[in-house]
Amino acid sequence: MGVFSDDNRQITCVYNSKATTGKQTLAYITASEKSVLPLDISTEQITGTQWAELAERLETNLCHLINSKEIAGDISSFSDSDCITILRENPSALKGAIVFTKDKAKLITNPSKVLEFIDADTSEISKP
């Protein structure tokens, strides 16, 4: 079991409220009327364990979560520990928003792409 909730009915959004992409992604999810757990990394510290779990859910390494334009140097050579430090101390380095449910996770760089999390349940509704 991970450190994040695995509630099937909840969408978790890890975002930076000071970034347009993060704010817009959260707005899409909030408007859906689904249960949302927002984690704003500009005001809340995410632990190293939580960052590691997010990368695992996304099936990527931590360096891929970092916007290279926000960091001086070649991030591909950074260790996971370096990446965690960057993300904790510089929330604007997060490439987008991380959105996940129990079974699905995605790094959202285009806010409208979050609709796949919102529309997932509508396929089960019968059409008149």
N, C-alpha and C. Protein backbone atom coordinates (compact mmCIF):
# COMPACT_ATOMS: atom_id res chain seq x y z
N MET A 1 0.85 -1.19 0.00
CA MET A 1 0.00 0.00 0.00
C MET A 1 0.89 1.25 0.00
N GLY A 2 0.51 2.22 -0.78
CA GLY A 2 1.28 3.45 -0.89
C GLY A 2 0.91 4.46 0.18
N VAL A 3 1.53 5.61 0.08
CA VAL A 3 1.27 6.66 1.06
C VAL A 3 0.07 7.52 0.69
N PHE A 4 -0.40 7.39 -0.56
CA PHE A 4 -1.58 8.13 -1.00
C PHE A 4 -2.80 7.22 -0.91
N SER A 5 -3.96 7.83 -0.76
CA SER A 5 -5.21 7.08 -0.71
C SER A 5 -5.47 6.38 -2.03
N ASP A 6 -6.06 5.21 -1.95
CA ASP A 6 -6.44 4.47 -3.15
C ASP A 6 -7.96 4.37 -3.25
N ASP A 7 -8.63 5.45 -3.00
CA ASP A 7 -10.08 5.51 -3.11
C ASP A 7 -10.46 5.59 -4.58
N ASN A 8 -11.27 4.65 -5.05
CA ASN A 8 -11.69 4.63 -6.46
C ASN A 8 -12.47 5.86 -6.87
N ARG A 9 -13.12 6.50 -5.93
CA ARG A 9 -14.00 7.61 -6.25
C ARG A 9 -13.34 8.98 -6.08
N GLN A 10 -12.06 8.99 -5.75
CA GLN A 10 -11.36 10.25 -5.51
C GLN A 10 -10.30 10.51 -6.56
N ILE A 11 -10.20 11.76 -6.98
CA ILE A 11 -9.12 12.20 -7.87
C ILE A 11 -8.17 13.05 -7.04
N THR A 12 -6.90 12.71 -7.08
CA THR A 12 -5.89 13.49 -6.39
C THR A 12 -5.15 14.33 -7.43
N CYS A 13 -4.95 15.59 -7.09
CA CYS A 13 -4.26 16.51 -8.00
C CYS A 13 -3.10 17.17 -7.25
N VAL A 14 -1.89 16.86 -7.67
CA VAL A 14 -0.69 17.47 -7.13
C VAL A 14 -0.31 18.56 -8.11
N TYR A 15 -0.33 19.81 -7.64
CA TYR A 15 -0.17 20.94 -8.55
C TYR A 15 0.51 22.11 -7.85
N ASN A 16 0.90 23.09 -8.65
CA ASN A 16 1.46 24.34 -8.13
C ASN A 16 0.44 25.43 -8.41
N SER A 17 -0.14 26.01 -7.39
CA SER A 17 -1.19 27.02 -7.57
C SER A 17 -0.65 28.32 -8.18
N LYS A 18 0.65 28.46 -8.24
CA LYS A 18 1.24 29.65 -8.84
C LYS A 18 1.50 29.47 -10.34
N ALA A 19 1.18 28.29 -10.85
CA ALA A 19 1.37 27.99 -12.28
C ALA A 19 0.00 27.89 -12.94
N THR A 20 -0.12 28.47 -14.11
CA THR A 20 -1.39 28.47 -14.84
C THR A 20 -1.90 27.06 -15.10
N THR A 21 -1.02 26.18 -15.54
CA THR A 21 -1.43 24.80 -15.83
C THR A 21 -2.01 24.13 -14.60
N GLY A 22 -1.38 24.30 -13.47
CA GLY A 22 -1.86 23.71 -12.24
C GLY A 22 -3.23 24.24 -11.83
N LYS A 23 -3.38 25.55 -11.89
CA LYS A 23 -4.67 26.17 -11.51
C LYS A 23 -5.79 25.71 -12.44
N GLN A 24 -5.52 25.68 -13.75
CA GLN A 24 -6.55 25.29 -14.71
C GLN A 24 -6.91 23.80 -14.58
N THR A 25 -5.92 22.98 -14.35
CA THR A 25 -6.18 21.54 -14.18
C THR A 25 -7.07 21.31 -12.97
N LEU A 26 -6.75 21.96 -11.86
CA LEU A 26 -7.58 21.81 -10.66
C LEU A 26 -8.99 22.33 -10.91
N ALA A 27 -9.13 23.41 -11.65
CA ALA A 27 -10.46 23.96 -11.95
C ALA A 27 -11.30 22.97 -12.75
N TYR A 28 -10.71 22.31 -13.72
CA TYR A 28 -11.43 21.28 -14.50
C TYR A 28 -11.94 20.17 -13.57
N ILE A 29 -11.06 19.69 -12.72
CA ILE A 29 -11.43 18.58 -11.84
C ILE A 29 -12.50 19.00 -10.84
N THR A 30 -12.33 20.18 -10.26
CA THR A 30 -13.29 20.68 -9.27
C THR A 30 -14.67 20.87 -9.88
N ALA A 31 -14.71 21.33 -11.12
CA ALA A 31 -15.99 21.54 -11.81
C ALA A 31 -16.71 20.23 -12.09
N SER A 32 -16.01 19.12 -12.04
CA SER A 32 -16.61 17.82 -12.37
C SER A 32 -17.50 17.28 -11.25
N GLU A 33 -17.44 17.86 -10.09
CA GLU A 33 -18.22 17.45 -8.92
C GLU A 33 -17.78 16.08 -8.38
N LYS A 34 -16.61 15.61 -8.79
CA LYS A 34 -16.06 14.39 -8.21
C LYS A 34 -15.33 14.76 -6.93
N SER A 35 -15.06 13.78 -6.12
CA SER A 35 -14.30 14.00 -4.90
C SER A 35 -12.85 14.29 -5.29
N VAL A 36 -12.33 15.41 -4.81
CA VAL A 36 -11.00 15.86 -5.20
C VAL A 36 -10.14 16.10 -3.97
N LEU A 37 -8.91 15.61 -4.02
CA LEU A 37 -7.92 15.92 -2.99
C LEU A 37 -6.84 16.76 -3.66
N PRO A 38 -6.88 18.09 -3.47
CA PRO A 38 -5.86 18.95 -4.06
C PRO A 38 -4.64 19.06 -3.14
N LEU A 39 -3.46 18.89 -3.70
CA LEU A 39 -2.21 19.05 -2.95
C LEU A 39 -1.38 20.11 -3.66
N ASP A 40 -1.39 21.31 -3.09
CA ASP A 40 -0.69 22.45 -3.68
C ASP A 40 0.75 22.47 -3.17
N ILE A 41 1.70 22.16 -4.05
CA ILE A 41 3.09 22.06 -3.62
C ILE A 41 3.73 23.41 -3.33
N SER A 42 3.03 24.50 -3.66
CA SER A 42 3.59 25.81 -3.30
C SER A 42 3.30 26.15 -1.85
N THR A 43 2.37 25.43 -1.23
CA THR A 43 2.04 25.69 0.18
C THR A 43 2.19 24.46 1.08
N GLU A 44 2.23 23.27 0.49
CA GLU A 44 2.35 22.02 1.25
C GLU A 44 3.61 21.29 0.83
N GLN A 45 4.35 20.79 1.78
CA GLN A 45 5.55 20.01 1.48
C GLN A 45 5.15 18.56 1.19
N ILE A 46 5.60 18.06 0.07
CA ILE A 46 5.41 16.66 -0.29
C ILE A 46 6.71 15.94 0.13
N THR A 47 6.58 14.82 0.81
CA THR A 47 7.77 14.12 1.28
C THR A 47 8.49 13.42 0.12
N GLY A 48 9.71 13.04 0.37
CA GLY A 48 10.46 12.29 -0.63
C GLY A 48 9.78 10.98 -0.99
N THR A 49 9.21 10.33 0.01
CA THR A 49 8.48 9.07 -0.22
C THR A 49 7.28 9.31 -1.12
N GLN A 50 6.58 10.41 -0.91
CA GLN A 50 5.42 10.73 -1.74
C GLN A 50 5.85 11.02 -3.18
N TRP A 51 6.95 11.77 -3.36
CA TRP A 51 7.44 12.04 -4.71
C TRP A 51 7.83 10.73 -5.40
N ALA A 52 8.47 9.84 -4.66
CA ALA A 52 8.87 8.55 -5.23
C ALA A 52 7.64 7.74 -5.65
N GLU A 53 6.59 7.76 -4.82
CA GLU A 53 5.36 7.05 -5.18
C GLU A 53 4.70 7.67 -6.41
N LEU A 54 4.71 8.99 -6.50
CA LEU A 54 4.13 9.64 -7.68
C LEU A 54 4.86 9.20 -8.95
N ALA A 55 6.19 9.18 -8.90
CA ALA A 55 6.97 8.75 -10.06
C ALA A 55 6.66 7.30 -10.40
N GLU A 56 6.50 6.47 -9.38
CA GLU A 56 6.17 5.06 -9.61
C GLU A 56 4.79 4.92 -10.25
N ARG A 57 3.81 5.67 -9.76
CA ARG A 57 2.46 5.63 -10.34
C ARG A 57 2.49 6.07 -11.81
N LEU A 58 3.33 7.04 -12.11
CA LEU A 58 3.45 7.56 -13.48
C LEU A 58 4.35 6.68 -14.36
N GLU A 59 4.99 5.71 -13.73
CA GLU A 59 5.93 4.83 -14.43
C GLU A 59 7.03 5.62 -15.13
N THR A 60 7.61 6.54 -14.38
CA THR A 60 8.69 7.37 -14.91
C THR A 60 9.68 7.65 -13.78
N ASN A 61 10.79 8.30 -14.10
CA ASN A 61 11.68 8.69 -13.01
C ASN A 61 11.42 10.16 -12.66
N LEU A 62 11.91 10.55 -11.53
CA LEU A 62 11.62 11.89 -11.01
C LEU A 62 12.12 13.01 -11.91
N CYS A 63 13.20 12.80 -12.63
CA CYS A 63 13.73 13.85 -13.51
C CYS A 63 12.73 14.24 -14.60
N HIS A 64 11.87 13.30 -15.01
CA HIS A 64 10.88 13.60 -16.05
C HIS A 64 9.75 14.48 -15.55
N LEU A 65 9.66 14.71 -14.24
CA LEU A 65 8.63 15.59 -13.68
C LEU A 65 9.08 17.05 -13.65
N ILE A 66 10.35 17.27 -13.94
CA ILE A 66 10.93 18.60 -13.80
C ILE A 66 11.01 19.30 -15.16
N ASN A 67 10.57 20.54 -15.17
CA ASN A 67 10.66 21.38 -16.36
C ASN A 67 12.11 21.87 -16.45
N SER A 68 12.82 21.40 -17.46
CA SER A 68 14.24 21.72 -17.58
C SER A 68 14.50 23.21 -17.79
N LYS A 69 13.49 23.95 -18.23
CA LYS A 69 13.65 25.40 -18.42
C LYS A 69 13.74 26.14 -17.09
N GLU A 70 13.30 25.48 -16.02
CA GLU A 70 13.31 26.11 -14.69
C GLU A 70 14.60 25.84 -13.93
N ILE A 71 15.43 24.95 -14.47
CA ILE A 71 16.62 24.51 -13.75
C ILE A 71 17.86 24.72 -14.61
N ALA A 72 18.90 25.23 -13.98
CA ALA A 72 20.18 25.38 -14.68
C ALA A 72 20.91 24.03 -14.63
N GLY A 73 21.38 23.59 -15.74
CA GLY A 73 22.12 22.33 -15.77
C GLY A 73 21.33 21.22 -16.44
N ASP A 74 21.98 20.10 -16.61
CA ASP A 74 21.40 18.93 -17.27
C ASP A 74 20.73 18.05 -16.22
N ILE A 75 19.41 18.06 -16.18
CA ILE A 75 18.70 17.31 -15.14
C ILE A 75 18.77 15.80 -15.34
N SER A 76 19.11 15.34 -16.52
CA SER A 76 19.16 13.90 -16.75
C SER A 76 20.23 13.21 -15.90
N SER A 77 21.20 13.97 -15.45
CA SER A 77 22.26 13.39 -14.63
C SER A 77 21.98 13.50 -13.12
N PHE A 78 20.84 14.09 -12.76
CA PHE A 78 20.50 14.26 -11.35
C PHE A 78 19.99 12.95 -10.76
N SER A 79 20.29 12.74 -9.50
CA SER A 79 19.78 11.57 -8.78
C SER A 79 18.34 11.84 -8.35
N ASP A 80 17.65 10.79 -7.91
CA ASP A 80 16.28 10.97 -7.39
C ASP A 80 16.28 11.93 -6.22
N SER A 81 17.29 11.84 -5.38
CA SER A 81 17.39 12.73 -4.22
C SER A 81 17.53 14.19 -4.67
N ASP A 82 18.32 14.43 -5.72
CA ASP A 82 18.47 15.78 -6.27
C ASP A 82 17.13 16.29 -6.79
N CYS A 83 16.42 15.43 -7.50
CA CYS A 83 15.13 15.83 -8.08
C CYS A 83 14.10 16.15 -6.99
N ILE A 84 14.09 15.36 -5.93
CA ILE A 84 13.18 15.62 -4.81
C ILE A 84 13.49 16.97 -4.19
N THR A 85 14.76 17.26 -4.00
CA THR A 85 15.17 18.55 -3.44
C THR A 85 14.72 19.69 -4.34
N ILE A 86 14.89 19.54 -5.64
CA ILE A 86 14.48 20.58 -6.59
C ILE A 86 12.98 20.81 -6.49
N LEU A 87 12.20 19.72 -6.52
CA LEU A 87 10.74 19.85 -6.48
C LEU A 87 10.24 20.42 -5.15
N ARG A 88 10.91 20.11 -4.06
CA ARG A 88 10.49 20.63 -2.76
C ARG A 88 10.84 22.10 -2.59
N GLU A 89 12.00 22.50 -3.10
CA GLU A 89 12.47 23.87 -2.90
C GLU A 89 12.07 24.82 -4.03
N ASN A 90 11.66 24.27 -5.16
CA ASN A 90 11.30 25.10 -6.30
C ASN A 90 10.03 24.52 -6.96
N PRO A 91 8.85 24.77 -6.37
CA PRO A 91 7.61 24.20 -6.89
C PRO A 91 7.35 24.54 -8.36
N SER A 92 7.86 25.65 -8.84
CA SER A 92 7.64 26.01 -10.24
C SER A 92 8.38 25.08 -11.19
N ALA A 93 9.26 24.22 -10.67
CA ALA A 93 9.98 23.27 -11.51
C ALA A 93 9.11 22.09 -11.94
N LEU A 94 7.98 21.88 -11.27
CA LEU A 94 7.08 20.78 -11.67
C LEU A 94 6.55 21.06 -13.06
N LYS A 95 6.68 20.09 -13.95
CA LYS A 95 6.37 20.26 -15.37
C LYS A 95 4.89 20.54 -15.63
N GLY A 96 4.00 20.13 -14.79
CA GLY A 96 2.56 20.33 -14.97
C GLY A 96 1.85 20.02 -13.67
N ALA A 97 0.75 19.30 -13.76
CA ALA A 97 0.05 18.82 -12.57
C ALA A 97 0.00 17.30 -12.66
N ILE A 98 0.10 16.65 -11.52
CA ILE A 98 0.01 15.19 -11.49
C ILE A 98 -1.38 14.85 -10.99
N VAL A 99 -2.11 14.11 -11.79
CA VAL A 99 -3.48 13.75 -11.45
C VAL A 99 -3.56 12.23 -11.44
N PHE A 100 -4.19 11.69 -10.37
CA PHE A 100 -4.30 10.24 -10.32
C PHE A 100 -5.51 9.78 -9.52
N THR A 101 -5.91 8.57 -9.85
CA THR A 101 -6.92 7.82 -9.11
C THR A 101 -6.25 6.51 -8.70
N LYS A 102 -7.02 5.58 -8.19
CA LYS A 102 -6.44 4.31 -7.77
C LYS A 102 -5.75 3.60 -8.93
N ASP A 103 -6.36 3.63 -10.10
CA ASP A 103 -5.89 2.83 -11.23
C ASP A 103 -5.20 3.59 -12.34
N LYS A 104 -5.16 4.91 -12.26
CA LYS A 104 -4.67 5.70 -13.39
C LYS A 104 -3.91 6.92 -12.87
N ALA A 105 -2.83 7.26 -13.54
CA ALA A 105 -2.05 8.45 -13.17
C ALA A 105 -1.49 9.09 -14.43
N LYS A 106 -1.42 10.42 -14.41
CA LYS A 106 -0.91 11.13 -15.59
C LYS A 106 -0.31 12.47 -15.18
N LEU A 107 0.78 12.82 -15.84
CA LEU A 107 1.35 14.16 -15.71
C LEU A 107 0.63 15.02 -16.74
N ILE A 108 -0.10 16.01 -16.27
CA ILE A 108 -0.92 16.86 -17.14
C ILE A 108 -0.16 18.14 -17.46
N THR A 109 0.17 18.34 -18.74
CA THR A 109 0.81 19.58 -19.16
C THR A 109 -0.16 20.44 -19.96
N ASN A 110 -1.28 19.85 -20.38
CA ASN A 110 -2.35 20.57 -21.07
C ASN A 110 -3.62 20.32 -20.26
N PRO A 111 -4.14 21.34 -19.56
CA PRO A 111 -5.25 21.14 -18.64
C PRO A 111 -6.46 20.40 -19.21
N SER A 112 -6.77 20.56 -20.48
CA SER A 112 -7.95 19.88 -21.03
C SER A 112 -7.76 18.36 -21.08
N LYS A 113 -6.53 17.88 -21.02
CA LYS A 113 -6.26 16.44 -21.03
C LYS A 113 -6.75 15.75 -19.76
N VAL A 114 -7.05 16.53 -18.74
CA VAL A 114 -7.55 15.95 -17.49
C VAL A 114 -8.99 15.43 -17.65
N LEU A 115 -9.63 15.79 -18.75
CA LEU A 115 -11.01 15.35 -18.98
C LEU A 115 -11.14 13.83 -19.03
N GLU A 116 -10.08 13.13 -19.38
CA GLU A 116 -10.17 11.66 -19.41
C GLU A 116 -10.39 11.10 -18.00
N PHE A 117 -10.01 11.81 -16.96
CA PHE A 117 -10.29 11.38 -15.60
C PHE A 117 -11.74 11.68 -15.23
N ILE A 118 -12.25 12.76 -15.76
CA ILE A 118 -13.61 13.20 -15.43
C ILE A 118 -14.64 12.39 -16.20
N ASP A 119 -14.38 12.11 -17.47
CA ASP A 119 -15.35 11.43 -18.32
C ASP A 119 -15.36 9.92 -18.16
N ALA A 120 -14.46 9.38 -17.37
CA ALA A 120 -14.34 7.92 -17.27
C ALA A 120 -15.64 7.25 -16.81
N ASP A 121 -16.37 7.86 -15.90
CA ASP A 121 -17.59 7.24 -15.38
C ASP A 121 -18.79 7.45 -16.27
N THR A 122 -18.75 8.42 -17.17
CA THR A 122 -19.93 8.72 -17.97
C THR A 122 -20.23 7.64 -19.00
N SER A 123 -19.28 6.79 -19.33
CA SER A 123 -19.53 5.73 -20.30
C SER A 123 -20.49 4.68 -19.74
N GLU A 124 -20.62 4.63 -18.41
CA GLU A 124 -21.50 3.66 -17.78
C GLU A 124 -22.94 4.15 -17.69
N ILE A 125 -23.19 5.39 -18.05
CA ILE A 125 -24.54 5.95 -17.97
C ILE A 125 -25.28 5.56 -19.25
N SER A 126 -26.47 4.99 -19.06
CA SER A 126 -27.25 4.61 -20.25
C SER A 126 -27.84 5.84 -20.90
N LYS A 127 -27.88 5.80 -22.22
CA LYS A 127 -28.43 6.93 -22.98
C LYS A 127 -29.90 6.65 -23.26
N PRO A 128 -30.76 7.66 -23.12
CA PRO A 128 -32.20 7.45 -23.36
C PRO A 128 -32.50 7.26 -24.83
